[in-house]
N, C-alpha and C. Protein backbone atom coordinates (compact mmCIF):
# COMPACT_ATOMS: atom_id res chain seq x y z
N MET A 1 0.53 -4.36 16.66
CA MET A 1 -0.61 -5.05 16.07
C MET A 1 -0.08 -6.18 15.19
N ALA A 2 -0.66 -7.33 15.31
CA ALA A 2 -0.23 -8.51 14.55
C ALA A 2 -0.56 -8.36 13.07
N ASP A 3 0.23 -9.08 12.27
CA ASP A 3 -0.07 -9.10 10.83
C ASP A 3 -1.46 -9.68 10.62
N PRO A 4 -2.22 -9.13 9.70
CA PRO A 4 -3.58 -9.63 9.46
C PRO A 4 -3.56 -11.01 8.81
N SER A 5 -4.54 -11.82 9.17
CA SER A 5 -4.69 -13.15 8.56
C SER A 5 -5.14 -12.99 7.12
N ALA A 6 -5.13 -14.09 6.38
CA ALA A 6 -5.58 -14.06 4.98
C ALA A 6 -7.03 -13.59 4.90
N GLU A 7 -7.85 -14.06 5.82
CA GLU A 7 -9.26 -13.66 5.83
C GLU A 7 -9.39 -12.16 6.10
N GLU A 8 -8.61 -11.67 7.05
CA GLU A 8 -8.63 -10.23 7.37
C GLU A 8 -8.14 -9.41 6.17
N ARG A 9 -7.13 -9.90 5.47
CA ARG A 9 -6.62 -9.19 4.29
C ARG A 9 -7.69 -9.11 3.20
N ARG A 10 -8.46 -10.18 3.03
CA ARG A 10 -9.56 -10.15 2.05
C ARG A 10 -10.59 -9.10 2.44
N ARG A 11 -10.92 -9.05 3.73
CA ARG A 11 -11.89 -8.07 4.23
C ARG A 11 -11.36 -6.65 4.03
N LEU A 12 -10.10 -6.43 4.36
CA LEU A 12 -9.50 -5.11 4.18
C LEU A 12 -9.50 -4.70 2.71
N ALA A 13 -9.24 -5.64 1.82
CA ALA A 13 -9.26 -5.34 0.38
C ALA A 13 -10.67 -4.94 -0.05
N SER A 14 -11.68 -5.62 0.48
CA SER A 14 -13.06 -5.29 0.10
C SER A 14 -13.46 -3.91 0.62
N GLN A 15 -12.79 -3.44 1.66
CA GLN A 15 -13.06 -2.11 2.23
C GLN A 15 -12.15 -1.03 1.64
N GLY A 16 -11.24 -1.41 0.74
CA GLY A 16 -10.31 -0.45 0.16
C GLY A 16 -9.13 -0.13 1.05
N ARG A 17 -8.92 -0.93 2.09
CA ARG A 17 -7.82 -0.70 3.02
C ARG A 17 -6.62 -1.59 2.73
N ALA A 18 -6.71 -2.39 1.65
CA ALA A 18 -5.60 -3.20 1.13
C ALA A 18 -5.81 -3.32 -0.37
N LEU A 19 -4.74 -3.53 -1.11
CA LEU A 19 -4.89 -3.78 -2.54
C LEU A 19 -5.47 -5.16 -2.74
N PRO A 20 -6.36 -5.35 -3.69
CA PRO A 20 -6.91 -6.69 -3.94
C PRO A 20 -5.80 -7.67 -4.26
N GLY A 21 -5.95 -8.90 -3.77
CA GLY A 21 -4.98 -9.94 -4.07
C GLY A 21 -5.19 -10.48 -5.48
N ARG A 22 -4.17 -11.15 -5.97
CA ARG A 22 -4.28 -11.75 -7.30
C ARG A 22 -5.20 -12.96 -7.25
N ASP A 23 -6.02 -13.12 -8.27
CA ASP A 23 -6.90 -14.29 -8.41
C ASP A 23 -7.74 -14.54 -7.16
N GLY A 24 -8.24 -13.48 -6.54
CA GLY A 24 -9.10 -13.62 -5.37
C GLY A 24 -8.36 -13.94 -4.09
N GLY A 25 -7.04 -13.88 -4.13
CA GLY A 25 -6.24 -14.16 -2.94
C GLY A 25 -6.36 -13.05 -1.92
N PRO A 26 -5.68 -13.21 -0.79
CA PRO A 26 -5.75 -12.18 0.26
C PRO A 26 -5.22 -10.85 -0.22
N GLY A 27 -5.73 -9.78 0.35
CA GLY A 27 -5.31 -8.44 -0.02
C GLY A 27 -3.82 -8.22 0.23
N ARG A 28 -3.25 -7.35 -0.56
CA ARG A 28 -1.83 -7.03 -0.43
C ARG A 28 -1.68 -5.61 0.12
N PHE A 29 -0.59 -5.38 0.80
CA PHE A 29 -0.28 -4.06 1.38
C PHE A 29 -1.44 -3.54 2.24
N PRO A 30 -1.87 -4.32 3.24
CA PRO A 30 -2.93 -3.83 4.13
C PRO A 30 -2.42 -2.65 4.95
N ILE A 31 -3.21 -1.60 5.00
CA ILE A 31 -2.81 -0.40 5.76
C ILE A 31 -3.97 -0.02 6.67
N ARG A 32 -3.82 -0.39 7.95
CA ARG A 32 -4.85 -0.10 8.95
C ARG A 32 -4.47 1.08 9.83
N ASN A 33 -3.16 1.36 9.93
CA ASN A 33 -2.68 2.35 10.90
C ASN A 33 -1.28 2.82 10.51
N ARG A 34 -0.68 3.63 11.37
CA ARG A 34 0.65 4.20 11.12
C ARG A 34 1.71 3.11 10.91
N ASP A 35 1.71 2.09 11.73
CA ASP A 35 2.71 1.03 11.59
C ASP A 35 2.57 0.30 10.25
N ASP A 36 1.33 -0.02 9.87
CA ASP A 36 1.11 -0.66 8.57
C ASP A 36 1.58 0.24 7.43
N LEU A 37 1.31 1.54 7.56
CA LEU A 37 1.73 2.49 6.53
C LEU A 37 3.25 2.49 6.41
N ASP A 38 3.94 2.53 7.53
CA ASP A 38 5.41 2.52 7.51
C ASP A 38 5.93 1.24 6.85
N ARG A 39 5.35 0.10 7.19
CA ARG A 39 5.78 -1.18 6.58
C ARG A 39 5.51 -1.19 5.08
N ALA A 40 4.37 -0.66 4.67
CA ALA A 40 4.03 -0.64 3.24
C ALA A 40 5.01 0.24 2.46
N ILE A 41 5.35 1.38 3.01
CA ILE A 41 6.31 2.27 2.35
C ILE A 41 7.65 1.55 2.17
N GLN A 42 8.08 0.85 3.19
CA GLN A 42 9.36 0.13 3.12
C GLN A 42 9.31 -1.05 2.15
N ALA A 43 8.12 -1.60 1.91
CA ALA A 43 7.98 -2.82 1.10
C ALA A 43 7.78 -2.56 -0.39
N VAL A 44 7.65 -1.33 -0.81
CA VAL A 44 7.35 -1.04 -2.22
C VAL A 44 8.36 -1.69 -3.16
N GLY A 45 9.61 -1.74 -2.79
CA GLY A 45 10.63 -2.33 -3.64
C GLY A 45 10.50 -3.82 -3.84
N ARG A 46 9.65 -4.47 -3.03
CA ARG A 46 9.45 -5.92 -3.14
C ARG A 46 8.20 -6.29 -3.93
N VAL A 47 7.60 -5.30 -4.59
CA VAL A 47 6.37 -5.53 -5.36
C VAL A 47 6.64 -6.54 -6.48
N ARG A 48 5.69 -7.41 -6.70
CA ARG A 48 5.74 -8.35 -7.82
C ARG A 48 4.51 -8.15 -8.66
N PRO A 49 4.61 -8.04 -9.97
CA PRO A 49 5.87 -8.14 -10.71
C PRO A 49 6.74 -6.92 -10.44
N ASN A 50 8.03 -7.11 -10.56
CA ASN A 50 8.99 -6.07 -10.25
C ASN A 50 9.14 -5.11 -11.43
N THR A 51 8.09 -4.31 -11.65
CA THR A 51 8.10 -3.32 -12.73
C THR A 51 7.79 -1.95 -12.14
N GLU A 52 8.20 -0.91 -12.84
CA GLU A 52 7.90 0.44 -12.37
C GLU A 52 6.39 0.68 -12.34
N GLN A 53 5.68 0.12 -13.31
CA GLN A 53 4.22 0.27 -13.35
C GLN A 53 3.57 -0.33 -12.10
N ALA A 54 4.02 -1.51 -11.70
CA ALA A 54 3.46 -2.16 -10.50
C ALA A 54 3.82 -1.36 -9.25
N ARG A 55 5.06 -0.89 -9.16
CA ARG A 55 5.45 -0.09 -7.99
C ARG A 55 4.67 1.21 -7.92
N ALA A 56 4.42 1.85 -9.08
CA ALA A 56 3.65 3.11 -9.10
C ALA A 56 2.22 2.87 -8.62
N LYS A 57 1.63 1.74 -9.02
CA LYS A 57 0.27 1.41 -8.57
C LYS A 57 0.23 1.28 -7.05
N VAL A 58 1.21 0.59 -6.49
CA VAL A 58 1.27 0.42 -5.04
C VAL A 58 1.52 1.76 -4.35
N ARG A 59 2.42 2.58 -4.90
CA ARG A 59 2.66 3.90 -4.30
C ARG A 59 1.39 4.75 -4.31
N ARG A 60 0.62 4.72 -5.41
CA ARG A 60 -0.64 5.49 -5.46
C ARG A 60 -1.58 5.02 -4.35
N PHE A 61 -1.68 3.71 -4.15
CA PHE A 61 -2.54 3.18 -3.10
C PHE A 61 -2.04 3.66 -1.72
N ILE A 62 -0.75 3.56 -1.49
CA ILE A 62 -0.18 3.98 -0.21
C ILE A 62 -0.44 5.47 0.03
N ILE A 63 -0.26 6.29 -0.98
CA ILE A 63 -0.52 7.73 -0.86
C ILE A 63 -1.98 7.97 -0.48
N ARG A 64 -2.90 7.28 -1.14
CA ARG A 64 -4.33 7.44 -0.83
C ARG A 64 -4.62 7.06 0.61
N ARG A 65 -4.10 5.91 1.05
CA ARG A 65 -4.36 5.47 2.43
C ARG A 65 -3.72 6.44 3.44
N ALA A 66 -2.53 6.94 3.13
CA ALA A 66 -1.88 7.89 4.03
C ALA A 66 -2.75 9.13 4.21
N ARG A 67 -3.30 9.63 3.11
CA ARG A 67 -4.19 10.81 3.20
C ARG A 67 -5.43 10.49 4.02
N GLU A 68 -6.02 9.31 3.79
CA GLU A 68 -7.23 8.92 4.53
C GLU A 68 -6.95 8.83 6.03
N LEU A 69 -5.75 8.42 6.39
CA LEU A 69 -5.39 8.27 7.80
C LEU A 69 -4.84 9.57 8.40
N GLY A 70 -4.73 10.62 7.58
CA GLY A 70 -4.16 11.87 8.06
C GLY A 70 -2.66 11.79 8.28
N LEU A 71 -1.99 10.90 7.53
CA LEU A 71 -0.57 10.66 7.71
C LEU A 71 0.23 10.94 6.44
N ALA A 72 -0.25 11.87 5.63
CA ALA A 72 0.42 12.17 4.36
C ALA A 72 1.86 12.63 4.56
N SER A 73 2.18 13.15 5.73
CA SER A 73 3.55 13.61 5.98
C SER A 73 4.56 12.45 6.00
N MET A 74 4.07 11.23 6.11
CA MET A 74 4.96 10.06 6.10
C MET A 74 5.41 9.66 4.70
N ILE A 75 4.74 10.17 3.68
CA ILE A 75 5.07 9.80 2.30
C ILE A 75 6.44 10.38 1.94
N PRO A 76 7.33 9.56 1.39
CA PRO A 76 8.66 10.06 1.01
C PRO A 76 8.57 11.24 0.04
N ASP A 77 9.45 12.19 0.20
CA ASP A 77 9.49 13.37 -0.68
C ASP A 77 9.75 12.99 -2.13
N SER A 78 10.35 11.84 -2.36
CA SER A 78 10.69 11.43 -3.73
C SER A 78 9.51 10.86 -4.50
N TRP A 79 8.35 10.70 -3.84
CA TRP A 79 7.16 10.15 -4.50
C TRP A 79 6.29 11.28 -5.03
N ALA A 80 5.92 11.22 -6.31
CA ALA A 80 4.96 12.15 -6.89
C ALA A 80 3.55 11.65 -6.59
N SER A 81 2.57 12.52 -6.65
CA SER A 81 1.19 12.14 -6.31
C SER A 81 0.60 11.11 -7.27
N ASP A 82 1.17 10.98 -8.47
CA ASP A 82 0.67 9.98 -9.42
C ASP A 82 1.34 8.62 -9.24
N GLY A 83 2.17 8.49 -8.22
CA GLY A 83 2.83 7.22 -7.95
C GLY A 83 4.20 7.09 -8.57
N SER A 84 4.56 8.02 -9.43
CA SER A 84 5.89 7.97 -10.04
C SER A 84 6.92 8.52 -9.05
N LEU A 85 8.18 8.38 -9.41
CA LEU A 85 9.24 8.96 -8.59
C LEU A 85 9.65 10.30 -9.18
N LYS A 86 9.88 11.26 -8.31
CA LYS A 86 10.31 12.59 -8.76
C LYS A 86 11.78 12.54 -9.18
N GLY A 87 12.10 13.40 -10.15
CA GLY A 87 13.48 13.57 -10.55
C GLY A 87 13.99 12.48 -11.33
């Protein structure tokens, strides 16, 4: 599946399937399916701003979408349900 366009990302954000973009921009971390979920998990380290708080917010979103898609088993064992890292 191709990467979503900016318009599609905005629509996905309005549906809760992507994080809202900054200043009304296109949604971030769109997760429509298993492939999107895998890409989002791999991309957490590239979150901007590069803070633990920002990464935890993205991890919480990814965890929620994984559960909605029935793919919670894909979530890394090192992620706590609150978005923090275990250990």
